Amino acid sequence: MFPGDKIETQGGLGGARGLGYLACMGGFLSAMFAEMGARRRRLRASLGDRGQAILEFLVLGGLVLGSLGLFLRPWMPCVAPWGFAIPVVFVVGFFLIEARRQIAVRAYKARGPEAKIAEDRVELEVLLKKLQREEGFDDEDLAEARTKFEQNTSARWQARLENADAQVAAAGYDWFALLWSFGCALAGAAAFVIAFTTEPPPGPEEEWIPPRDAVTIDMEP
């Protein structure tokens, strides 16, 4: 599933090694479901309960309209058959976004000292600038604050590792997932509108045959 995570399966389908892919997939799914829950909590914190419910309703409604909604009229599936593929495309795209996010989390944790130094530098600069704006702080106080900051380096990095998912999500993966969801929902709504507003195809033309008594033919020998 991920680069560098190749699992050998020489034991065959019946061997214990053959189940390695299932374990890898299980870890991927558990991390994905955990991130989905965290993403919903972040969405609720930014939009509120009502805003989150409306947003999720719009996304789900667009996906349903683009697929099941095409059965409203007999000719609609033939007009926009691509609407049935939108839920599948949505799921595949969501899996790809999640795979990239998990790879980014792994890379963030693997960077170790490099990430620690870069983030500590930024955080220390923000702290010192904040203290400099306050009254009563001299150079000795700033040096003491710098020393205390450096003493907590290990604890601070450990906290960052525990919050690596949130750190990576802040890089834009929440926006990727949101835009992808809205794009698929709009595509589903477009499929429904196109199919619904299309005129039904004309029925087969029947050859008109006059009734037997409509024409009188008098023929004399």
Protein backbone atom coordinates (compact mmCIF):
# COMPACT_ATOMS: atom_id res chain seq x y z
CA MET A 1 0.00 0.00 0.00
CA PHE A 2 2.82 2.40 0.88
CA PRO A 3 6.39 2.75 -0.43
CA GLY A 4 8.79 0.76 1.71
CA ASP A 5 6.00 -1.34 3.24
CA LYS A 6 6.35 -4.33 0.93
CA ILE A 7 5.27 -7.50 2.69
CA GLU A 8 6.47 -10.84 1.39
CA THR A 9 3.85 -13.51 0.81
CA GLN A 10 5.99 -16.48 -0.14
CA GLY A 11 3.95 -18.63 2.22
CA GLY A 12 1.07 -18.56 -0.27
CA LEU A 13 -2.54 -17.80 0.29
CA GLY A 14 -2.84 -20.45 2.96
CA GLY A 15 0.27 -19.46 4.88
CA ALA A 16 0.61 -16.99 7.70
CA ARG A 17 2.70 -14.66 5.58
CA GLY A 18 -0.08 -14.40 3.04
CA LEU A 19 -2.16 -12.53 5.61
CA GLY A 20 0.36 -9.70 5.80
CA TYR A 21 -1.54 -7.62 3.26
CA LEU A 22 -4.71 -7.99 5.32
CA ALA A 23 -2.91 -6.64 8.36
CA CYS A 24 -1.54 -3.74 6.32
CA MET A 25 -4.99 -2.99 4.91
CA GLY A 26 -6.49 -3.21 8.37
CA GLY A 27 -4.02 -0.64 9.65
CA PHE A 28 -4.81 1.61 6.71
CA LEU A 29 -8.57 1.38 7.29
CA SER A 30 -8.31 1.94 11.04
CA ALA A 31 -6.17 5.04 10.47
CA MET A 32 -8.61 6.25 7.79
CA PHE A 33 -11.67 5.85 10.04
CA ALA A 34 -9.87 7.58 12.90
CA GLU A 35 -9.00 10.49 10.59
CA MET A 36 -12.58 10.66 9.34
CA GLY A 37 -13.81 11.05 12.91
CA ALA A 38 -11.17 13.69 13.65
CA ARG A 39 -12.01 15.53 10.43
CA ARG A 40 -15.71 15.62 11.36
CA ARG A 41 -14.81 17.03 14.78
CA ARG A 42 -12.66 19.73 13.17
CA LEU A 43 -15.47 20.51 10.73
CA ARG A 44 -17.97 20.74 13.58
CA ALA A 45 -15.65 23.04 15.50
CA SER A 46 -15.33 25.41 12.53
CA LEU A 47 -18.90 25.31 11.14
CA GLY A 48 -20.99 24.24 14.12
CA ASP A 49 -23.36 21.30 14.35
CA ARG A 50 -25.86 22.76 11.88
CA GLY A 51 -23.23 23.75 9.32
CA GLN A 52 -21.62 20.32 9.45
CA ALA A 53 -24.99 18.57 9.04
CA ILE A 54 -25.91 20.76 6.05
CA LEU A 55 -22.54 20.18 4.41
CA GLU A 56 -22.70 16.42 4.79
CA PHE A 57 -26.31 16.40 3.58
CA LEU A 58 -25.34 18.28 0.42
CA VAL A 59 -22.49 15.90 -0.36
CA LEU A 60 -24.58 12.78 0.26
CA GLY A 61 -27.54 14.24 -1.66
CA GLY A 62 -25.39 14.95 -4.71
CA LEU A 63 -24.01 11.42 -4.75
CA VAL A 64 -27.47 9.87 -4.38
CA LEU A 65 -29.01 12.10 -7.07
CA GLY A 66 -26.28 11.21 -9.54
CA SER A 67 -26.84 7.48 -9.13
CA LEU A 68 -30.16 6.36 -7.62
CA GLY A 69 -31.91 9.52 -8.79
CA LEU A 70 -31.46 8.44 -12.40
CA PHE A 71 -34.10 5.75 -11.91
CA LEU A 72 -36.78 8.43 -11.55
CA ARG A 73 -37.66 8.17 -15.25
CA PRO A 74 -37.07 5.27 -17.60
CA TRP A 75 -34.89 7.15 -20.10
CA MET A 76 -32.67 8.97 -17.56
CA PRO A 77 -30.04 6.19 -17.10
CA CYS A 78 -29.40 6.20 -20.84
CA VAL A 79 -28.92 9.99 -20.93
CA ALA A 80 -26.32 10.22 -18.11
CA PRO A 81 -24.95 6.72 -17.46
CA TRP A 82 -21.73 8.22 -16.08
CA GLY A 83 -23.69 9.25 -13.00
CA PHE A 84 -23.54 5.68 -11.70
CA ALA A 85 -19.72 5.85 -11.65
CA ILE A 86 -19.59 8.97 -9.46
CA PRO A 87 -19.92 7.15 -6.09
CA VAL A 88 -17.16 4.75 -7.13
CA VAL A 89 -14.94 7.63 -8.26
CA PHE A 90 -15.67 9.40 -4.98
CA VAL A 91 -14.57 6.40 -2.90
CA VAL A 92 -11.45 5.77 -5.00
CA GLY A 93 -10.42 9.44 -4.83
CA PHE A 94 -11.03 9.52 -1.08
CA PHE A 95 -8.82 6.45 -0.65
CA LEU A 96 -6.04 8.08 -2.70
CA ILE A 97 -6.22 11.28 -0.63
CA GLU A 98 -6.09 9.24 2.56
CA ALA A 99 -3.13 7.22 1.27
CA ARG A 100 -1.21 10.42 0.52
CA ARG A 101 -2.07 11.76 3.97
CA GLN A 102 -0.82 8.63 5.71
CA ILE A 103 2.38 8.72 3.67
CA ALA A 104 2.84 12.36 4.72
CA VAL A 105 2.33 11.40 8.38
CA ARG A 106 4.96 8.69 8.07
CA ALA A 107 7.36 11.11 6.40
CA TYR A 108 6.73 13.71 9.10
CA LYS A 109 7.59 11.20 11.82
CA ALA A 110 10.63 9.94 9.93
CA ARG A 111 12.14 13.40 9.48
CA GLY A 112 12.85 13.47 13.21
CA PRO A 113 15.65 15.93 14.07
CA GLU A 114 15.18 18.00 10.93
CA ALA A 115 11.51 18.66 11.66
CA LYS A 116 12.24 19.17 15.35
CA ILE A 117 14.84 21.87 14.71
CA ALA A 118 12.75 23.69 12.09
CA GLU A 119 9.58 23.77 14.20
CA ASP A 120 11.45 24.67 17.38
CA ARG A 121 13.06 27.61 15.62
CA VAL A 122 9.71 28.97 14.48
CA GLU A 123 8.06 28.42 17.86
CA LEU A 124 10.96 30.00 19.75
CA GLU A 125 10.91 33.09 17.54
CA VAL A 126 7.19 33.54 18.14
CA LEU A 127 7.68 33.15 21.90
CA LEU A 128 10.56 35.64 22.09
CA LYS A 129 8.72 38.23 20.00
CA LYS A 130 5.71 37.89 22.26
CA LEU A 131 7.85 38.41 25.37
CA GLN A 132 9.64 41.40 23.84
CA ARG A 133 6.32 43.17 23.33
CA GLU A 134 5.50 42.84 27.02
CA GLU A 135 6.81 45.35 29.55
CA GLY A 136 9.33 44.39 32.21
CA PHE A 137 11.23 41.81 30.15
CA ASP A 138 14.94 42.44 29.65
CA ASP A 139 17.69 40.42 27.99
CA GLU A 140 18.19 38.29 31.09
CA ASP A 141 14.53 37.28 31.12
CA LEU A 142 14.65 36.45 27.41
CA ALA A 143 17.74 34.27 27.96
CA GLU A 144 15.98 32.46 30.80
CA ALA A 145 12.92 31.88 28.62
CA ARG A 146 15.16 30.51 25.87
CA THR A 147 16.82 28.12 28.34
CA LYS A 148 13.48 26.81 29.62
CA PHE A 149 12.30 26.37 26.06
CA GLU A 150 15.35 24.31 25.13
CA GLN A 151 14.98 22.11 28.21
CA ASN A 152 11.52 21.00 27.08
CA THR A 153 12.62 20.00 23.59
CA SER A 154 12.06 16.26 24.03
CA ALA A 155 8.63 16.62 25.62
CA ARG A 156 7.58 19.09 22.94
CA TRP A 157 8.67 16.76 20.12
CA GLN A 158 6.89 13.82 21.74
CA ALA A 159 3.69 15.86 21.83
CA ARG A 160 4.14 16.68 18.14
CA LEU A 161 4.54 13.00 17.29
CA GLU A 162 1.32 12.20 19.13
CA ASN A 163 -0.44 14.95 17.17
CA ALA A 164 1.21 14.13 13.84
CA ASP A 165 -2.16 13.49 12.18
CA ALA A 166 -3.38 16.95 13.13
CA GLN A 167 -0.07 18.52 12.06
CA VAL A 168 -0.29 16.94 8.62
CA ALA A 169 -4.02 17.69 8.26
CA ALA A 170 -3.21 21.35 8.82
CA ALA A 171 -1.12 21.19 5.62
CA GLY A 172 -4.30 21.10 3.54
CA TYR A 173 -5.60 17.54 3.45
CA ASP A 174 -8.88 18.62 5.02
CA TRP A 175 -9.35 21.02 2.10
CA PHE A 176 -8.43 18.32 -0.41
CA ALA A 177 -11.06 15.97 1.00
CA LEU A 178 -13.68 18.73 1.21
CA LEU A 179 -13.13 19.95 -2.35
CA TRP A 180 -13.14 16.40 -3.69
CA SER A 181 -16.41 15.65 -1.89
CA PHE A 182 -18.04 18.81 -3.24
CA GLY A 183 -16.75 18.13 -6.75
CA CYS A 184 -18.24 14.64 -6.82
CA ALA A 185 -21.51 15.91 -5.34
CA LEU A 186 -21.76 18.62 -8.01
CA ALA A 187 -21.02 16.07 -10.72
CA GLY A 188 -23.83 13.88 -9.38
CA ALA A 189 -26.26 16.80 -9.28
CA ALA A 190 -25.25 17.73 -12.83
CA ALA A 191 -25.92 14.19 -14.04
CA PHE A 192 -29.39 14.27 -12.51
CA VAL A 193 -30.26 17.71 -13.91
CA ILE A 194 -29.04 16.80 -17.40
CA ALA A 195 -31.01 13.57 -17.42
CA PHE A 196 -34.12 15.10 -15.83
CA THR A 197 -34.36 18.01 -18.25
CA THR A 198 -33.84 15.88 -21.36
CA GLU A 199 -36.91 15.21 -23.42
CA PRO A 200 -37.95 11.56 -23.58
CA PRO A 201 -37.00 9.80 -26.81
CA PRO A 202 -39.79 9.51 -29.35
CA GLY A 203 -41.58 6.21 -29.41
CA PRO A 204 -41.55 3.93 -32.45
CA GLU A 205 -43.78 5.08 -35.26
CA GLU A 206 -46.69 2.79 -35.99
CA GLU A 207 -47.92 2.40 -39.55
CA TRP A 208 -51.47 3.62 -39.80
CA ILE A 209 -53.90 1.17 -41.34
CA PRO A 210 -57.35 2.45 -42.20
CA PRO A 211 -60.26 0.48 -40.83
CA ARG A 212 -61.86 -2.06 -43.11
CA ASP A 213 -65.09 -0.09 -43.59
CA ALA A 214 -63.40 3.26 -44.21
CA VAL A 215 -62.91 2.76 -47.93
CA THR A 216 -65.53 1.33 -50.26
CA ILE A 217 -64.31 -0.21 -53.45
CA ASP A 218 -66.81 -1.05 -56.16
CA MET A 219 -65.34 -3.21 -58.84
CA GLU A 220 -67.45 -4.69 -61.57
CA PRO A 221 -66.32 -7.55 -63.71
